Amino acid sequence: MAKQRRKEYSMIDKISKNLQIINHKEQTVLEMRQSDDESVKTLRLKSGNWKNKKEPWLVIDENEKVHALISMDAMQKIVENFKQMEQDAFALKLEKSILQQLPIDFQDVWTVAMQEVEKGKKSDVNFERLVKKIKKEHPNLFLNLKDFYMPEGITMMQPFDSE
């Protein structure tokens, strides 16, 4: 039994550390057990206290699996953070794809790209294909290196001599 208790608390210590809970000894830990009634489970306080407002509360089930119990406010904040991270990742990928094609005016290309994205599903966007399509349909939005003056005999793709 003592060995099992150490295993549970080592998991809880690890979780507390990952969640950056400073004083994980104050962490509210509950034990969930099946009662005689099949539709009822009981919660028993293992450590911490019932008045603790710090989240999450950790619940150890009958299979020694650790669960987190959080308020709906905390869950809503988590969902909002995930949505924001998803939007940030989307913006960074689109920005990278646009910059690789040498836009003359980044904001104009961004606007056209967002109009195209709104026509379809945001999750299915192939950024490179989208920006290449925009470049083909609106070449005036991008630099074309072929338009720059190059001295006679020099090409853009001239290999370097390795000697």
C-alpha atoms as a PDB file:
ATOM      1  CA  MET A   1       0.000   0.000   0.000  1.00  0.00           C
ATOM      2  CA  ALA A   2       2.822   2.427   0.846  1.00  0.00           C
ATOM      3  CA  LYS A   3       4.482   1.644  -2.495  1.00  0.00           C
ATOM      4  CA  GLN A   4       1.219   2.381  -4.317  1.00  0.00           C
ATOM      5  CA  ARG A   5       0.854   5.678  -2.418  1.00  0.00           C
ATOM      6  CA  ARG A   6       4.396   6.707  -3.449  1.00  0.00           C
ATOM      7  CA  LYS A   7       3.569   5.900  -7.089  1.00  0.00           C
ATOM      8  CA  GLU A   8       0.403   8.050  -6.984  1.00  0.00           C
ATOM      9  CA  TYR A   9       2.171  10.964  -5.368  1.00  0.00           C
ATOM     10  CA  SER A  10       5.164  10.756  -7.680  1.00  0.00           C
ATOM     11  CA  MET A  11       2.720  11.114 -10.591  1.00  0.00           C
ATOM     12  CA  ILE A  12       1.027  14.011  -8.819  1.00  0.00           C
ATOM     13  CA  ASP A  13       4.379  15.658  -8.081  1.00  0.00           C
ATOM     14  CA  LYS A  14       5.298  15.351 -11.764  1.00  0.00           C
ATOM     15  CA  ILE A  15       1.949  16.795 -12.877  1.00  0.00           C
ATOM     16  CA  SER A  16       2.207  19.622 -10.338  1.00  0.00           C
ATOM     17  CA  LYS A  17       5.693  20.468 -11.592  1.00  0.00           C
ATOM     18  CA  ASN A  18       4.500  20.494 -15.221  1.00  0.00           C
ATOM     19  CA  LEU A  19       1.582  22.746 -14.264  1.00  0.00           C
ATOM     20  CA  GLN A  20       4.056  24.982 -12.415  1.00  0.00           C
ATOM     21  CA  ILE A  21       2.211  24.662  -9.140  1.00  0.00           C
ATOM     22  CA  ILE A  22       4.654  26.206  -6.703  1.00  0.00           C
ATOM     23  CA  ASN A  23       3.506  24.568  -3.476  1.00  0.00           C
ATOM     24  CA  HIS A  24       2.215  21.225  -4.711  1.00  0.00           C
ATOM     25  CA  LYS A  25       1.945  19.966  -1.117  1.00  0.00           C
ATOM     26  CA  GLU A  26      -1.170  22.177  -0.843  1.00  0.00           C
ATOM     27  CA  GLN A  27      -2.623  20.636  -4.014  1.00  0.00           C
ATOM     28  CA  THR A  28      -6.124  19.248  -3.487  1.00  0.00           C
ATOM     29  CA  VAL A  29      -6.011  15.534  -4.253  1.00  0.00           C
ATOM     30  CA  LEU A  30      -9.127  13.387  -4.210  1.00  0.00           C
ATOM     31  CA  GLU A  31      -9.573   9.658  -4.374  1.00  0.00           C
ATOM     32  CA  MET A  32     -12.548   8.371  -6.391  1.00  0.00           C
ATOM     33  CA  ARG A  33     -13.928   4.944  -5.516  1.00  0.00           C
ATOM     34  CA  GLN A  34     -16.927   2.898  -6.578  1.00  0.00           C
ATOM     35  CA  SER A  35     -19.630   2.575  -3.936  1.00  0.00           C
ATOM     36  CA  ASP A  36     -22.087  -0.262  -3.412  1.00  0.00           C
ATOM     37  CA  ASP A  37     -24.500   1.520  -5.723  1.00  0.00           C
ATOM     38  CA  GLU A  38     -23.316   1.060  -9.354  1.00  0.00           C
ATOM     39  CA  SER A  39     -24.398   4.596 -10.272  1.00  0.00           C
ATOM     40  CA  VAL A  40     -22.571   6.278  -7.384  1.00  0.00           C
ATOM     41  CA  LYS A  41     -18.888   6.988  -6.865  1.00  0.00           C
ATOM     42  CA  THR A  42     -17.418   8.515  -3.745  1.00  0.00           C
ATOM     43  CA  LEU A  43     -14.730  11.163  -3.462  1.00  0.00           C
ATOM     44  CA  ARG A  44     -12.405  11.135  -0.494  1.00  0.00           C
ATOM     45  CA  LEU A  45      -9.988  13.938   0.292  1.00  0.00           C
ATOM     46  CA  LYS A  46      -6.418  12.571   0.240  1.00  0.00           C
ATOM     47  CA  SER A  47      -4.536  15.851   0.650  1.00  0.00           C
ATOM     48  CA  GLY A  48      -5.143  19.578   0.518  1.00  0.00           C
ATOM     49  CA  ASN A  49      -8.559  20.828   1.516  1.00  0.00           C
ATOM     50  CA  TRP A  50     -12.089  21.232   0.175  1.00  0.00           C
ATOM     51  CA  LYS A  51     -11.916  25.036   0.346  1.00  0.00           C
ATOM     52  CA  ASN A  52      -8.832  25.282  -1.870  1.00  0.00           C
ATOM     53  CA  LYS A  53      -9.609  27.531  -4.837  1.00  0.00           C
ATOM     54  CA  LYS A  54      -6.393  26.654  -6.711  1.00  0.00           C
ATOM     55  CA  GLU A  55      -7.032  24.592  -9.790  1.00  0.00           C
ATOM     56  CA  PRO A  56      -6.871  21.921 -10.929  1.00  0.00           C
ATOM     57  CA  TRP A  57      -7.969  19.511  -8.259  1.00  0.00           C
ATOM     58  CA  LEU A  58      -6.463  16.111  -8.990  1.00  0.00           C
ATOM     59  CA  VAL A  59      -8.617  12.982  -8.794  1.00  0.00           C
ATOM     60  CA  ILE A  60      -7.180   9.467  -8.604  1.00  0.00           C
ATOM     61  CA  ASP A  61      -9.638   6.874  -9.882  1.00  0.00           C
ATOM     62  CA  GLU A  62      -9.987   3.161  -9.099  1.00  0.00           C
ATOM     63  CA  ASN A  63      -7.404   2.327 -11.775  1.00  0.00           C
ATOM     64  CA  GLU A  64      -4.863   4.758 -10.247  1.00  0.00           C
ATOM     65  CA  LYS A  65      -5.288   7.067 -13.219  1.00  0.00           C
ATOM     66  CA  VAL A  66      -4.973  10.782 -12.369  1.00  0.00           C
ATOM     67  CA  HIS A  67      -7.647  13.197 -13.652  1.00  0.00           C
ATOM     68  CA  ALA A  68      -7.888  16.984 -13.414  1.00  0.00           C
ATOM     69  CA  LEU A  69     -10.981  18.744 -12.139  1.00  0.00           C
ATOM     70  CA  ILE A  70     -11.303  22.364 -13.279  1.00  0.00           C
ATOM     71  CA  SER A  71     -14.017  25.021 -13.345  1.00  0.00           C
ATOM     72  CA  MET A  72     -15.839  25.976 -16.534  1.00  0.00           C
ATOM     73  CA  ASP A  73     -14.156  29.404 -16.352  1.00  0.00           C
ATOM     74  CA  ALA A  74     -10.753  27.729 -16.467  1.00  0.00           C
ATOM     75  CA  MET A  75     -11.904  25.430 -19.286  1.00  0.00           C
ATOM     76  CA  GLN A  76     -13.146  28.424 -21.273  1.00  0.00           C
ATOM     77  CA  LYS A  77      -9.780  30.182 -20.845  1.00  0.00           C
ATOM     78  CA  ILE A  78      -7.974  27.054 -22.050  1.00  0.00           C
ATOM     79  CA  VAL A  79     -10.198  26.842 -25.141  1.00  0.00           C
ATOM     80  CA  GLU A  80      -9.699  30.556 -25.854  1.00  0.00           C
ATOM     81  CA  ASN A  81      -5.915  30.131 -25.543  1.00  0.00           C
ATOM     82  CA  PHE A  82      -5.956  27.187 -27.954  1.00  0.00           C
ATOM     83  CA  LYS A  83      -8.004  29.197 -30.461  1.00  0.00           C
ATOM     84  CA  GLN A  84      -5.569  32.110 -30.180  1.00  0.00           C
ATOM     85  CA  MET A  85      -2.586  29.788 -30.667  1.00  0.00           C
ATOM     86  CA  GLU A  86      -4.292  28.301 -33.717  1.00  0.00           C
ATOM     87  CA  GLN A  87      -4.866  31.776 -35.181  1.00  0.00           C
ATOM     88  CA  ASP A  88      -1.260  32.765 -34.454  1.00  0.00           C
ATOM     89  CA  ALA A  89       0.067  29.616 -36.133  1.00  0.00           C
ATOM     90  CA  PHE A  90      -2.177  30.238 -39.148  1.00  0.00           C
ATOM     91  CA  ALA A  91      -0.961  33.841 -39.442  1.00  0.00           C
ATOM     92  CA  LEU A  92       2.710  32.831 -39.148  1.00  0.00           C
ATOM     93  CA  LYS A  93       2.397  30.152 -41.843  1.00  0.00           C
ATOM     94  CA  LEU A  94       0.633  32.529 -44.200  1.00  0.00           C
ATOM     95  CA  GLU A  95       3.140  35.295 -43.494  1.00  0.00           C
ATOM     96  CA  LYS A  96       6.071  32.966 -44.225  1.00  0.00           C
ATOM     97  CA  SER A  97       4.506  31.778 -47.487  1.00  0.00           C
ATOM     98  CA  ILE A  98       3.864  35.353 -48.627  1.00  0.00           C
ATOM     99  CA  LEU A  99       7.360  36.573 -47.757  1.00  0.00           C
ATOM    100  CA  GLN A 100       8.978  33.687 -49.655  1.00  0.00           C
ATOM    101  CA  GLN A 101       7.375  34.995 -52.860  1.00  0.00           C
ATOM    102  CA  LEU A 102       8.839  38.522 -52.458  1.00  0.00           C
ATOM    103  CA  PRO A 103       5.730  40.701 -52.224  1.00  0.00           C
ATOM    104  CA  ILE A 104       5.932  44.351 -53.225  1.00  0.00           C
ATOM    105  CA  ASP A 105       3.259  45.234 -50.675  1.00  0.00           C
ATOM    106  CA  PHE A 106       2.840  42.563 -48.014  1.00  0.00           C
ATOM    107  CA  GLN A 107      -0.497  43.955 -46.764  1.00  0.00           C
ATOM    108  CA  ASP A 108      -2.066  43.842 -50.244  1.00  0.00           C
ATOM    109  CA  VAL A 109      -1.059  40.206 -50.675  1.00  0.00           C
ATOM    110  CA  TRP A 110      -2.311  39.416 -47.161  1.00  0.00           C
ATOM    111  CA  THR A 111      -5.693  40.985 -47.963  1.00  0.00           C
ATOM    112  CA  VAL A 112      -6.074  38.983 -51.180  1.00  0.00           C
ATOM    113  CA  ALA A 113      -4.981  35.809 -49.358  1.00  0.00           C
ATOM    114  CA  MET A 114      -7.527  36.310 -46.573  1.00  0.00           C
ATOM    115  CA  GLN A 115     -10.282  36.862 -49.163  1.00  0.00           C
ATOM    116  CA  GLU A 116      -9.305  33.566 -50.785  1.00  0.00           C
ATOM    117  CA  VAL A 117      -9.191  31.780 -47.420  1.00  0.00           C
ATOM    118  CA  GLU A 118     -12.685  33.013 -46.546  1.00  0.00           C
ATOM    119  CA  LYS A 119     -14.019  31.345 -49.708  1.00  0.00           C
ATOM    120  CA  GLY A 120     -12.958  27.915 -48.434  1.00  0.00           C
ATOM    121  CA  LYS A 121     -12.158  26.156 -45.194  1.00  0.00           C
ATOM    122  CA  LYS A 122      -9.477  27.793 -43.055  1.00  0.00           C
ATOM    123  CA  SER A 123      -8.204  24.405 -41.850  1.00  0.00           C
ATOM    124  CA  ASP A 124      -7.629  23.073 -45.393  1.00  0.00           C
ATOM    125  CA  VAL A 125      -5.347  25.861 -46.630  1.00  0.00           C
ATOM    126  CA  ASN A 126      -2.172  24.948 -48.479  1.00  0.00           C
ATOM    127  CA  PHE A 127      -0.341  28.234 -47.952  1.00  0.00           C
ATOM    128  CA  GLU A 128       2.320  27.779 -50.630  1.00  0.00           C
ATOM    129  CA  ARG A 129      -0.252  26.838 -53.274  1.00  0.00           C
ATOM    130  CA  LEU A 130      -2.489  29.740 -52.234  1.00  0.00           C
ATOM    131  CA  VAL A 131       0.288  32.341 -52.515  1.00  0.00           C
ATOM    132  CA  LYS A 132       1.521  30.929 -55.832  1.00  0.00           C
ATOM    133  CA  LYS A 133      -2.055  31.181 -57.154  1.00  0.00           C
ATOM    134  CA  ILE A 134      -2.237  34.809 -55.999  1.00  0.00           C
ATOM    135  CA  LYS A 135       1.137  35.512 -57.606  1.00  0.00           C
ATOM    136  CA  LYS A 136      -0.075  34.018 -60.887  1.00  0.00           C
ATOM    137  CA  GLU A 137      -3.382  35.948 -60.807  1.00  0.00           C
ATOM    138  CA  HIS A 138      -1.861  39.200 -59.456  1.00  0.00           C
ATOM    139  CA  PRO A 139       1.781  39.329 -60.613  1.00  0.00           C
ATOM    140  CA  ASN A 140       1.849  43.092 -59.973  1.00  0.00           C
ATOM    141  CA  LEU A 141       1.823  42.362 -56.197  1.00  0.00           C
ATOM    142  CA  PHE A 142       5.197  40.614 -56.311  1.00  0.00           C
ATOM    143  CA  LEU A 143       8.759  41.362 -57.320  1.00  0.00           C
ATOM    144  CA  ASN A 144       9.948  39.580 -60.423  1.00  0.00           C
ATOM    145  CA  LEU A 145      13.712  39.212 -60.281  1.00  0.00           C
ATOM    146  CA  LYS A 146      13.820  38.793 -64.075  1.00  0.00           C
ATOM    147  CA  ASP A 147      12.785  42.433 -64.393  1.00  0.00           C
ATOM    148  CA  PHE A 148      15.974  43.616 -62.703  1.00  0.00           C
ATOM    149  CA  TYR A 149      18.912  44.594 -64.862  1.00  0.00           C
ATOM    150  CA  MET A 150      21.643  42.008 -64.913  1.00  0.00           C
ATOM    151  CA  PRO A 151      24.980  42.616 -66.657  1.00  0.00           C
ATOM    152  CA  GLU A 152      25.372  40.789 -69.912  1.00  0.00           C
ATOM    153  CA  GLY A 153      26.499  37.207 -69.494  1.00  0.00           C
ATOM    154  CA  ILE A 154      25.208  36.861 -65.919  1.00  0.00           C
ATOM    155  CA  THR A 155      22.137  34.815 -65.163  1.00  0.00           C
ATOM    156  CA  MET A 156      20.209  34.467 -61.927  1.00  0.00           C
ATOM    157  CA  MET A 157      20.834  30.756 -61.724  1.00  0.00           C
ATOM    158  CA  GLN A 158      24.499  30.709 -62.632  1.00  0.00           C
ATOM    159  CA  PRO A 159      26.303  27.941 -60.714  1.00  0.00           C
ATOM    160  CA  PHE A 160      29.314  28.853 -58.603  1.00  0.00           C
ATOM    161  CA  ASP A 161      32.658  27.423 -59.551  1.00  0.00           C
ATOM    162  CA  SER A 162      33.904  25.118 -56.817  1.00  0.00           C
ATOM    163  CA  GLU A 163      37.548  25.674 -57.772  1.00  0.00           C
END
